[in-house]
Every structure is written in structure tokens, then in C-alpha cells.
Amino acid sequence: MIDKGKLEQDIIAKLKTVYDPEIPVDIWELGLVYEIKIDDEGNTYIKMTLTSPACPVAGSLPPEVKEKVKTVEGVNDVYVDLVWNPPWDKDMMSEEAKLELGFF
């Protein structure tokens, strides 16, 4: 039996290694990840967005997320769902990200 809580924390730690190349903050702290679901077999669903539909990494960032999360011990398969609703805005960023980018 997998510990979904620990696995989710391990996935989040891995997501914190993925950066939007235009912003020096990881995608987790930017608030680009909306949801993580893990089933009993370790199959993982990640619902995420990008800073804008015109983001130049729209084609490369979701596959990078998938490949990095697949390296987490206990993860079986990964499905990344790229969504545009709700649209991302700077209010979705963590306080840490806002501080890093000077929004305070």
C-alpha cells in the first residue's frame, strides 16, 4: 500500500525543480499546479497551467513535468492535463514567489 501523503510531498518536491524559463521561480511556487491526484497504483494526474497560452514553453514544459514526476519513487504513470481555466494570475503565487519577484 502506498502512502499517498508522502508520495504527494515527494511529487511536490520534484515539481519544485521545474522552472518557467522566463521567471526565476519554480512552477509549484508560481501556482501553476492546480491539482495532484494519486490512485492506489501510484498513477498520478497533474492539472496545471502556464503563465499564458502564448508561453513559449507550452510544448516543452508539460512533458518535462511528466518525465520528472515519473522519476519519483512510487509513481507509476503520469498524466499532465494542461488547462487554461481558471486563468493563472500573480495572486496564485506563494508568498515566497511574490517576495522573490518583488511583488510585496
C-alpha atoms as a PDB file:
ATOM      1  CA  MET A   1       0.000   0.000   0.000  1.00  0.00           C
ATOM      2  CA  ILE A   2       1.421   3.362  -0.983  1.00  0.00           C
ATOM      3  CA  ASP A   3       1.462   6.329   1.350  1.00  0.00           C
ATOM      4  CA  LYS A   4      -0.311   8.900  -0.840  1.00  0.00           C
ATOM      5  CA  GLY A   5       0.504  11.772   1.516  1.00  0.00           C
ATOM      6  CA  LYS A   6       4.238  11.058   1.410  1.00  0.00           C
ATOM      7  CA  LEU A   7       4.112  10.411  -2.327  1.00  0.00           C
ATOM      8  CA  GLU A   8       2.364  13.733  -2.905  1.00  0.00           C
ATOM      9  CA  GLN A   9       5.060  15.528  -0.871  1.00  0.00           C
ATOM     10  CA  ASP A  10       7.768  13.777  -2.927  1.00  0.00           C
ATOM     11  CA  ILE A  11       5.988  14.840  -6.143  1.00  0.00           C
ATOM     12  CA  ILE A  12       5.761  18.437  -4.926  1.00  0.00           C
ATOM     13  CA  ALA A  13       9.486  18.374  -4.104  1.00  0.00           C
ATOM     14  CA  LYS A  14      10.155  17.231  -7.673  1.00  0.00           C
ATOM     15  CA  LEU A  15       7.836  19.912  -9.110  1.00  0.00           C
ATOM     16  CA  LYS A  16       9.936  22.477  -7.258  1.00  0.00           C
ATOM     17  CA  THR A  17      12.826  21.524  -9.574  1.00  0.00           C
ATOM     18  CA  VAL A  18      10.870  22.624 -12.682  1.00  0.00           C
ATOM     19  CA  TYR A  19      11.183  26.281 -13.637  1.00  0.00           C
ATOM     20  CA  ASP A  20       9.403  28.533 -16.078  1.00  0.00           C
ATOM     21  CA  PRO A  21      12.451  29.735 -18.051  1.00  0.00           C
ATOM     22  CA  GLU A  22      11.181  33.320 -18.159  1.00  0.00           C
ATOM     23  CA  ILE A  23      10.631  33.592 -14.390  1.00  0.00           C
ATOM     24  CA  PRO A  24      13.276  32.515 -11.835  1.00  0.00           C
ATOM     25  CA  VAL A  25      10.733  30.703  -9.653  1.00  0.00           C
ATOM     26  CA  ASP A  26       9.649  27.056  -9.771  1.00  0.00           C
ATOM     27  CA  ILE A  27       6.225  26.076 -11.132  1.00  0.00           C
ATOM     28  CA  TRP A  28       4.933  24.990  -7.699  1.00  0.00           C
ATOM     29  CA  GLU A  29       5.657  28.346  -6.046  1.00  0.00           C
ATOM     30  CA  LEU A  30       4.293  30.158  -9.119  1.00  0.00           C
ATOM     31  CA  GLY A  31       0.957  28.410  -8.514  1.00  0.00           C
ATOM     32  CA  LEU A  32       0.937  26.749 -11.936  1.00  0.00           C
ATOM     33  CA  VAL A  33      -0.034  23.365 -10.472  1.00  0.00           C
ATOM     34  CA  TYR A  34      -3.738  23.305  -9.652  1.00  0.00           C
ATOM     35  CA  GLU A  35      -4.235  19.688  -8.601  1.00  0.00           C
ATOM     36  CA  ILE A  36      -2.415  16.417  -7.928  1.00  0.00           C
ATOM     37  CA  LYS A  37      -4.350  13.140  -7.752  1.00  0.00           C
ATOM     38  CA  ILE A  38      -2.746   9.787  -6.998  1.00  0.00           C
ATOM     39  CA  ASP A  39      -4.512   6.435  -7.298  1.00  0.00           C
ATOM     40  CA  ASP A  40      -3.725   3.241  -5.358  1.00  0.00           C
ATOM     41  CA  GLU A  41      -1.235   2.083  -8.005  1.00  0.00           C
ATOM     42  CA  GLY A  42       0.759   5.330  -7.961  1.00  0.00           C
ATOM     43  CA  ASN A  43      -0.701   6.629 -11.205  1.00  0.00           C
ATOM     44  CA  THR A  44      -0.575  10.402 -10.936  1.00  0.00           C
ATOM     45  CA  TYR A  45      -2.759  13.084 -12.507  1.00  0.00           C
ATOM     46  CA  ILE A  46      -1.446  16.641 -12.508  1.00  0.00           C
ATOM     47  CA  LYS A  47      -3.657  19.539 -13.534  1.00  0.00           C
ATOM     48  CA  MET A  48      -1.574  22.579 -14.352  1.00  0.00           C
ATOM     49  CA  THR A  49      -1.482  25.745 -16.386  1.00  0.00           C
ATOM     50  CA  LEU A  50       1.113  28.156 -17.721  1.00  0.00           C
ATOM     51  CA  THR A  51       1.510  31.876 -17.162  1.00  0.00           C
ATOM     52  CA  SER A  52      -0.200  32.480 -20.522  1.00  0.00           C
ATOM     53  CA  PRO A  53      -1.463  30.469 -23.521  1.00  0.00           C
ATOM     54  CA  ALA A  54       1.278  32.155 -25.578  1.00  0.00           C
ATOM     55  CA  CYS A  55       4.002  30.875 -23.211  1.00  0.00           C
ATOM     56  CA  PRO A  56       6.950  29.764 -25.362  1.00  0.00           C
ATOM     57  CA  VAL A  57       7.379  26.551 -23.318  1.00  0.00           C
ATOM     58  CA  ALA A  58       3.773  25.371 -23.765  1.00  0.00           C
ATOM     59  CA  GLY A  59       5.043  22.429 -25.798  1.00  0.00           C
ATOM     60  CA  SER A  60       8.019  21.512 -23.625  1.00  0.00           C
ATOM     61  CA  LEU A  61       7.084  22.252 -20.005  1.00  0.00           C
ATOM     62  CA  PRO A  62       4.259  19.675 -19.568  1.00  0.00           C
ATOM     63  CA  PRO A  63       6.463  16.824 -20.924  1.00  0.00           C
ATOM     64  CA  GLU A  64       9.266  17.971 -18.603  1.00  0.00           C
ATOM     65  CA  VAL A  65       6.831  17.820 -15.667  1.00  0.00           C
ATOM     66  CA  LYS A  66       5.742  14.324 -16.703  1.00  0.00           C
ATOM     67  CA  GLU A  67       9.294  13.000 -17.066  1.00  0.00           C
ATOM     68  CA  LYS A  68      10.495  14.478 -13.759  1.00  0.00           C
ATOM     69  CA  VAL A  69       7.472  13.238 -11.781  1.00  0.00           C
ATOM     70  CA  LYS A  70       7.897   9.754 -13.288  1.00  0.00           C
ATOM     71  CA  THR A  71      11.316   9.580 -11.578  1.00  0.00           C
ATOM     72  CA  VAL A  72       9.715   9.855  -8.116  1.00  0.00           C
ATOM     73  CA  GLU A  73       9.849   6.519  -6.302  1.00  0.00           C
ATOM     74  CA  GLY A  74       6.330   5.089  -6.052  1.00  0.00           C
ATOM     75  CA  VAL A  75       4.970   6.909  -9.099  1.00  0.00           C
ATOM     76  CA  ASN A  76       3.770   4.521 -11.785  1.00  0.00           C
ATOM     77  CA  ASP A  77       2.454   6.628 -14.661  1.00  0.00           C
ATOM     78  CA  VAL A  78       1.849  10.360 -15.013  1.00  0.00           C
ATOM     79  CA  TYR A  79      -0.833  12.258 -16.902  1.00  0.00           C
ATOM     80  CA  VAL A  80      -0.376  16.014 -17.190  1.00  0.00           C
ATOM     81  CA  ASP A  81      -3.533  17.945 -18.021  1.00  0.00           C
ATOM     82  CA  LEU A  82      -2.702  21.430 -19.313  1.00  0.00           C
ATOM     83  CA  VAL A  83      -5.681  23.724 -18.676  1.00  0.00           C
ATOM     84  CA  TRP A  84      -6.377  27.417 -19.191  1.00  0.00           C
ATOM     85  CA  ASN A  85      -9.296  27.758 -16.828  1.00  0.00           C
ATOM     86  CA  PRO A  86      -9.044  29.274 -14.327  1.00  0.00           C
ATOM     87  CA  PRO A  87      -6.512  31.578 -15.940  1.00  0.00           C
ATOM     88  CA  TRP A  88      -3.299  31.990 -13.985  1.00  0.00           C
ATOM     89  CA  ASP A  89      -2.560  35.328 -12.360  1.00  0.00           C
ATOM     90  CA  LYS A  90       0.081  36.550  -9.919  1.00  0.00           C
ATOM     91  CA  ASP A  91      -2.284  36.133  -6.953  1.00  0.00           C
ATOM     92  CA  MET A  92      -1.821  32.354  -7.328  1.00  0.00           C
ATOM     93  CA  MET A  93       1.863  32.619  -6.445  1.00  0.00           C
ATOM     94  CA  SER A  94       3.103  31.674  -3.000  1.00  0.00           C
ATOM     95  CA  GLU A  95       4.310  34.433  -0.698  1.00  0.00           C
ATOM     96  CA  GLU A  96       7.829  33.104  -1.258  1.00  0.00           C
ATOM     97  CA  ALA A  97       7.478  33.581  -5.035  1.00  0.00           C
ATOM     98  CA  LYS A  98       5.999  37.050  -4.606  1.00  0.00           C
ATOM     99  CA  LEU A  99       8.923  38.040  -2.388  1.00  0.00           C
ATOM    100  CA  GLU A 100      11.415  36.586  -4.868  1.00  0.00           C
ATOM    101  CA  LEU A 101       9.876  38.602  -7.698  1.00  0.00           C
ATOM    102  CA  GLY A 102       9.413  41.775  -5.667  1.00  0.00           C
ATOM    103  CA  PHE A 103       5.604  41.853  -5.574  1.00  0.00           C
ATOM    104  CA  PHE A 104       5.491  42.930  -1.907  1.00  0.00           C
END
